[in-house]
Amino acid sequence: MGARLERRIRVWLVVFIVGLVLSGVTAFPLQTEVRILDDAVRGISFAPDGLVEWIARVRTGLEETDAQYPFIAYGTDWLAFAHLVIAVAFIGPYRDPVRNIWVIEWGMIACAMIVPLAVFAGPVRDIPFWWTLLDISFGVFGVIPLYIVRRQIKQLEAAQKVVQEKDTAPVNSPE
């Protein structure tokens, strides 16, 4: 049971780590990605007008900012780097889930913190409400695998305790 649980934990952690790495790596070519996205949504006849307008506005903002103030993109470089560093933190639970369960709990707290950040910072930064909901979804969908992993780690911990108790139980010798 323990080996199977560890395998499942590791699979979930790999999925989570890959998601963080992809989120990070895709923050580097942001302007190119938004240009491609803008071209794509303009070509979809049933795309909501609000979405098309928002993507076009983001593209314009990125292009104008990059033309006059390219150093501003350095902020998204750091965002990308942060995602990569956070992904590295989850190697600890991958290697020793029970000992490093605190990283999972820290990740769950970070996912929860996305909600107030998006709710309060979104309107201040003129982000449409529907986009704020999209941002919140990263926290909601991020916490799901972490919750599953935490529950499985607790099961693994309980299984390991049972094995330890059996190993340390005194052997009754026949008298």
C-alpha atoms as a PDB file:
ATOM      1  CA  MET A   1       0.000   0.000   0.000  1.00  0.00           C
ATOM      2  CA  GLY A   2       2.798   2.413   0.903  1.00  0.00           C
ATOM      3  CA  ALA A   3       4.629   2.089  -2.412  1.00  0.00           C
ATOM      4  CA  ARG A   4       1.414   2.536  -4.380  1.00  0.00           C
ATOM      5  CA  LEU A   5       0.487   5.627  -2.352  1.00  0.00           C
ATOM      6  CA  GLU A   6       3.946   7.100  -2.885  1.00  0.00           C
ATOM      7  CA  ARG A   7       3.615   6.543  -6.644  1.00  0.00           C
ATOM      8  CA  ARG A   8       0.241   8.311  -6.723  1.00  0.00           C
ATOM      9  CA  ILE A   9       1.614  11.187  -4.650  1.00  0.00           C
ATOM     10  CA  ARG A  10       4.558  11.532  -7.021  1.00  0.00           C
ATOM     11  CA  VAL A  11       2.321  11.496 -10.109  1.00  0.00           C
ATOM     12  CA  TRP A  12       0.173  14.313  -8.670  1.00  0.00           C
ATOM     13  CA  LEU A  13       3.294  16.254  -7.713  1.00  0.00           C
ATOM     14  CA  VAL A  14       4.774  15.881 -11.197  1.00  0.00           C
ATOM     15  CA  VAL A  15       1.523  17.201 -12.682  1.00  0.00           C
ATOM     16  CA  PHE A  16       1.614  20.154 -10.283  1.00  0.00           C
ATOM     17  CA  ILE A  17       5.313  20.854 -10.910  1.00  0.00           C
ATOM     18  CA  VAL A  18       4.830  20.683 -14.688  1.00  0.00           C
ATOM     19  CA  GLY A  19       1.930  23.140 -14.377  1.00  0.00           C
ATOM     20  CA  LEU A  20       4.099  25.571 -12.424  1.00  0.00           C
ATOM     21  CA  VAL A  21       6.974  25.242 -14.888  1.00  0.00           C
ATOM     22  CA  LEU A  22       4.669  25.794 -17.874  1.00  0.00           C
ATOM     23  CA  SER A  23       3.105  28.811 -16.159  1.00  0.00           C
ATOM     24  CA  GLY A  24       6.567  30.183 -15.549  1.00  0.00           C
ATOM     25  CA  VAL A  25       8.093  29.498 -18.938  1.00  0.00           C
ATOM     26  CA  THR A  26       5.110  30.976 -20.771  1.00  0.00           C
ATOM     27  CA  ALA A  27       5.527  34.282 -18.918  1.00  0.00           C
ATOM     28  CA  PHE A  28       8.800  34.981 -20.764  1.00  0.00           C
ATOM     29  CA  PRO A  29       7.407  35.362 -24.342  1.00  0.00           C
ATOM     30  CA  LEU A  30       4.276  37.153 -23.152  1.00  0.00           C
ATOM     31  CA  GLN A  31       4.123  39.704 -25.951  1.00  0.00           C
ATOM     32  CA  THR A  32       4.417  37.039 -28.655  1.00  0.00           C
ATOM     33  CA  GLU A  33       1.792  34.852 -26.987  1.00  0.00           C
ATOM     34  CA  VAL A  34      -0.671  37.724 -26.630  1.00  0.00           C
ATOM     35  CA  ARG A  35      -0.139  38.673 -30.293  1.00  0.00           C
ATOM     36  CA  ILE A  36      -0.921  35.092 -31.341  1.00  0.00           C
ATOM     37  CA  LEU A  37      -3.931  34.983 -28.995  1.00  0.00           C
ATOM     38  CA  ASP A  38      -5.217  38.323 -30.310  1.00  0.00           C
ATOM     39  CA  ASP A  39      -4.952  37.138 -33.912  1.00  0.00           C
ATOM     40  CA  ALA A  40      -6.695  33.877 -32.989  1.00  0.00           C
ATOM     41  CA  VAL A  41      -9.663  35.394 -31.124  1.00  0.00           C
ATOM     42  CA  ARG A  42     -10.218  37.927 -33.900  1.00  0.00           C
ATOM     43  CA  GLY A  43     -10.595  34.984 -36.283  1.00  0.00           C
ATOM     44  CA  ILE A  44     -13.298  33.308 -34.199  1.00  0.00           C
ATOM     45  CA  SER A  45     -16.731  34.540 -35.262  1.00  0.00           C
ATOM     46  CA  PHE A  46     -18.421  33.516 -32.011  1.00  0.00           C
ATOM     47  CA  ALA A  47     -15.791  34.999 -29.660  1.00  0.00           C
ATOM     48  CA  PRO A  48     -17.430  37.350 -27.121  1.00  0.00           C
ATOM     49  CA  ASP A  49     -16.825  41.011 -27.960  1.00  0.00           C
ATOM     50  CA  GLY A  50     -15.584  41.708 -24.437  1.00  0.00           C
ATOM     51  CA  LEU A  51     -12.905  39.028 -24.765  1.00  0.00           C
ATOM     52  CA  VAL A  52     -11.769  40.259 -28.180  1.00  0.00           C
ATOM     53  CA  GLU A  53     -11.584  43.856 -26.909  1.00  0.00           C
ATOM     54  CA  TRP A  54      -9.721  42.847 -23.737  1.00  0.00           C
ATOM     55  CA  ILE A  55      -7.093  40.774 -25.564  1.00  0.00           C
ATOM     56  CA  ALA A  56      -6.593  43.623 -28.072  1.00  0.00           C
ATOM     57  CA  ARG A  57      -6.180  46.093 -25.205  1.00  0.00           C
ATOM     58  CA  VAL A  58      -3.643  43.846 -23.475  1.00  0.00           C
ATOM     59  CA  ARG A  59      -1.727  43.452 -26.759  1.00  0.00           C
ATOM     60  CA  THR A  60      -1.641  47.197 -27.305  1.00  0.00           C
ATOM     61  CA  GLY A  61      -0.538  47.790 -23.729  1.00  0.00           C
ATOM     62  CA  LEU A  62       2.279  45.259 -23.988  1.00  0.00           C
ATOM     63  CA  GLU A  63       3.467  46.543 -27.373  1.00  0.00           C
ATOM     64  CA  GLU A  64       3.416  50.213 -26.351  1.00  0.00           C
ATOM     65  CA  THR A  65       5.069  49.517 -23.018  1.00  0.00           C
ATOM     66  CA  ASP A  66       7.751  47.379 -24.653  1.00  0.00           C
ATOM     67  CA  ALA A  67       8.428  50.062 -27.275  1.00  0.00           C
ATOM     68  CA  GLN A  68       8.900  52.840 -24.707  1.00  0.00           C
ATOM     69  CA  TYR A  69       9.744  51.032 -21.473  1.00  0.00           C
ATOM     70  CA  PRO A  70      11.118  47.545 -22.236  1.00  0.00           C
ATOM     71  CA  PHE A  71      12.451  47.204 -18.691  1.00  0.00           C
ATOM     72  CA  ILE A  72       8.870  46.820 -17.420  1.00  0.00           C
ATOM     73  CA  ALA A  73       8.849  43.303 -18.940  1.00  0.00           C
ATOM     74  CA  TYR A  74      11.546  42.461 -16.422  1.00  0.00           C
ATOM     75  CA  GLY A  75       8.696  42.174 -13.911  1.00  0.00           C
ATOM     76  CA  THR A  76       7.157  39.296 -15.857  1.00  0.00           C
ATOM     77  CA  ASP A  77      10.622  37.721 -16.094  1.00  0.00           C
ATOM     78  CA  TRP A  78      10.678  37.688 -12.302  1.00  0.00           C
ATOM     79  CA  LEU A  79       7.142  36.295 -12.261  1.00  0.00           C
ATOM     80  CA  ALA A  80       8.343  33.466 -14.501  1.00  0.00           C
ATOM     81  CA  PHE A  81      11.376  32.896 -12.290  1.00  0.00           C
ATOM     82  CA  ALA A  82       9.164  32.760  -9.186  1.00  0.00           C
ATOM     83  CA  HIS A  83       7.047  30.019 -10.752  1.00  0.00           C
ATOM     84  CA  LEU A  84      10.179  28.005 -11.499  1.00  0.00           C
ATOM     85  CA  VAL A  85      11.505  28.462  -7.956  1.00  0.00           C
ATOM     86  CA  ILE A  86       8.168  27.469  -6.456  1.00  0.00           C
ATOM     87  CA  ALA A  87       8.182  24.348  -8.660  1.00  0.00           C
ATOM     88  CA  VAL A  88      11.595  23.420  -7.224  1.00  0.00           C
ATOM     89  CA  ALA A  89      10.153  23.609  -3.687  1.00  0.00           C
ATOM     90  CA  PHE A  90       7.847  20.700  -4.526  1.00  0.00           C
ATOM     91  CA  ILE A  91      10.820  18.413  -5.147  1.00  0.00           C
ATOM     92  CA  GLY A  92      11.048  18.062  -1.348  1.00  0.00           C
ATOM     93  CA  PRO A  93       7.626  16.391  -1.048  1.00  0.00           C
ATOM     94  CA  TYR A  94       8.398  14.342  -4.151  1.00  0.00           C
ATOM     95  CA  ARG A  95      11.465  12.917  -2.421  1.00  0.00           C
ATOM     96  CA  ASP A  96       9.988  12.529   1.078  1.00  0.00           C
ATOM     97  CA  PRO A  97       6.263  13.285   1.195  1.00  0.00           C
ATOM     98  CA  VAL A  98       5.648  12.718   4.906  1.00  0.00           C
ATOM     99  CA  ARG A  99       8.605  14.790   6.067  1.00  0.00           C
ATOM    100  CA  ASN A 100       7.823  17.634   3.647  1.00  0.00           C
ATOM    101  CA  ILE A 101       4.026  17.806   3.941  1.00  0.00           C
ATOM    102  CA  TRP A 102       4.486  21.413   5.068  1.00  0.00           C
ATOM    103  CA  VAL A 103       5.379  22.355   1.463  1.00  0.00           C
ATOM    104  CA  ILE A 104       2.015  20.989   0.327  1.00  0.00           C
ATOM    105  CA  GLU A 105       0.228  22.948   3.050  1.00  0.00           C
ATOM    106  CA  TRP A 106       2.208  26.075   2.137  1.00  0.00           C
ATOM    107  CA  GLY A 107       1.134  25.585  -1.496  1.00  0.00           C
ATOM    108  CA  MET A 108      -2.486  25.262  -0.417  1.00  0.00           C
ATOM    109  CA  ILE A 109      -2.221  28.507   1.526  1.00  0.00           C
ATOM    110  CA  ALA A 110      -0.651  30.209  -1.503  1.00  0.00           C
ATOM    111  CA  CYS A 111      -3.542  28.987  -3.672  1.00  0.00           C
ATOM    112  CA  ALA A 112      -6.034  30.412  -1.168  1.00  0.00           C
ATOM    113  CA  MET A 113      -4.195  33.741  -1.158  1.00  0.00           C
ATOM    114  CA  ILE A 114      -4.821  34.110  -4.904  1.00  0.00           C
ATOM    115  CA  VAL A 115      -8.485  34.862  -4.203  1.00  0.00           C
ATOM    116  CA  PRO A 116      -8.090  38.033  -2.101  1.00  0.00           C
ATOM    117  CA  LEU A 117      -5.247  39.264  -4.301  1.00  0.00           C
ATOM    118  CA  ALA A 118      -7.345  38.953  -7.443  1.00  0.00           C
ATOM    119  CA  VAL A 119     -10.475  40.371  -5.801  1.00  0.00           C
ATOM    120  CA  PHE A 120      -8.727  43.451  -4.412  1.00  0.00           C
ATOM    121  CA  ALA A 121      -5.983  44.098  -6.979  1.00  0.00           C
ATOM    122  CA  GLY A 122      -8.113  43.353 -10.057  1.00  0.00           C
ATOM    123  CA  PRO A 123     -10.341  46.428  -9.817  1.00  0.00           C
ATOM    124  CA  VAL A 124      -7.392  48.637  -8.844  1.00  0.00           C
ATOM    125  CA  ARG A 125      -5.556  47.536 -12.016  1.00  0.00           C
ATOM    126  CA  ASP A 126      -8.674  47.896 -14.207  1.00  0.00           C
ATOM    127  CA  ILE A 127      -8.994  44.146 -14.769  1.00  0.00           C
ATOM    128  CA  PRO A 128     -12.433  42.992 -15.997  1.00  0.00           C
ATOM    129  CA  PHE A 129     -14.357  41.006 -13.397  1.00  0.00           C
ATOM    130  CA  TRP A 130     -14.606  37.932 -15.640  1.00  0.00           C
ATOM    131  CA  TRP A 131     -10.790  37.947 -15.966  1.00  0.00           C
ATOM    132  CA  THR A 132     -10.519  38.188 -12.178  1.00  0.00           C
ATOM    133  CA  LEU A 133     -12.610  35.020 -11.998  1.00  0.00           C
ATOM    134  CA  LEU A 134     -10.167  33.360 -14.402  1.00  0.00           C
ATOM    135  CA  ASP A 135      -7.262  34.375 -12.155  1.00  0.00           C
ATOM    136  CA  ILE A 136      -9.099  33.015  -9.103  1.00  0.00           C
ATOM    137  CA  SER A 137      -9.557  29.704 -10.908  1.00  0.00           C
ATOM    138  CA  PHE A 138      -5.778  29.138 -10.773  1.00  0.00           C
ATOM    139  CA  GLY A 139      -6.015  29.049  -6.999  1.00  0.00           C
ATOM    140  CA  VAL A 140      -9.107  26.864  -7.028  1.00  0.00           C
ATOM    141  CA  PHE A 141      -7.712  24.386  -9.546  1.00  0.00           C
ATOM    142  CA  GLY A 142      -4.255  24.529  -7.967  1.00  0.00           C
ATOM    143  CA  VAL A 143      -5.509  23.568  -4.532  1.00  0.00           C
ATOM    144  CA  ILE A 144      -7.296  20.446  -5.801  1.00  0.00           C
ATOM    145  CA  PRO A 145      -4.193  18.345  -6.570  1.00  0.00           C
ATOM    146  CA  LEU A 146      -2.507  19.661  -3.434  1.00  0.00           C
ATOM    147  CA  TYR A 147      -5.502  18.652  -1.318  1.00  0.00           C
ATOM    148  CA  ILE A 148      -5.462  15.185  -2.870  1.00  0.00           C
ATOM    149  CA  VAL A 149      -1.711  14.899  -2.260  1.00  0.00           C
ATOM    150  CA  ARG A 150      -2.062  16.054   1.352  1.00  0.00           C
ATOM    151  CA  ARG A 151      -4.776  13.485   2.004  1.00  0.00           C
ATOM    152  CA  GLN A 152      -2.642  10.752   0.437  1.00  0.00           C
ATOM    153  CA  ILE A 153       0.407  11.812   2.456  1.00  0.00           C
ATOM    154  CA  LYS A 154      -1.653  11.513   5.645  1.00  0.00           C
ATOM    155  CA  GLN A 155      -2.643   7.974   4.566  1.00  0.00           C
ATOM    156  CA  LEU A 156       1.001   7.171   3.821  1.00  0.00           C
ATOM    157  CA  GLU A 157       2.046   8.513   7.206  1.00  0.00           C
ATOM    158  CA  ALA A 158      -0.543   6.327   8.949  1.00  0.00           C
ATOM    159  CA  ALA A 159       0.604   3.281   6.973  1.00  0.00           C
ATOM    160  CA  GLN A 160       4.235   3.971   7.864  1.00  0.00           C
ATOM    161  CA  LYS A 161       3.331   4.208  11.569  1.00  0.00           C
ATOM    162  CA  VAL A 162       1.624   0.815  11.433  1.00  0.00           C
ATOM    163  CA  VAL A 163       4.735  -0.713   9.837  1.00  0.00           C
ATOM    164  CA  GLN A 164       6.993   0.958  12.436  1.00  0.00           C
ATOM    165  CA  GLU A 165       4.837  -0.324  15.283  1.00  0.00           C
ATOM    166  CA  LYS A 166       5.022  -3.858  13.901  1.00  0.00           C
ATOM    167  CA  ASP A 167       8.805  -3.585  13.522  1.00  0.00           C
ATOM    168  CA  THR A 168       9.303  -2.358  17.083  1.00  0.00           C
ATOM    169  CA  ALA A 169       6.751  -4.626  18.769  1.00  0.00           C
ATOM    170  CA  PRO A 170       8.345  -7.011  21.238  1.00  0.00           C
ATOM    171  CA  VAL A 171       8.549 -10.570  20.069  1.00  0.00           C
ATOM    172  CA  ASN A 172       6.829 -13.011  22.420  1.00  0.00           C
ATOM    173  CA  SER A 173       9.106 -15.950  23.062  1.00  0.00           C
ATOM    174  CA  PRO A 174       7.537 -19.247  24.088  1.00  0.00           C
ATOM    175  CA  GLU A 175       8.236 -20.121  27.685  1.00  0.00           C
END
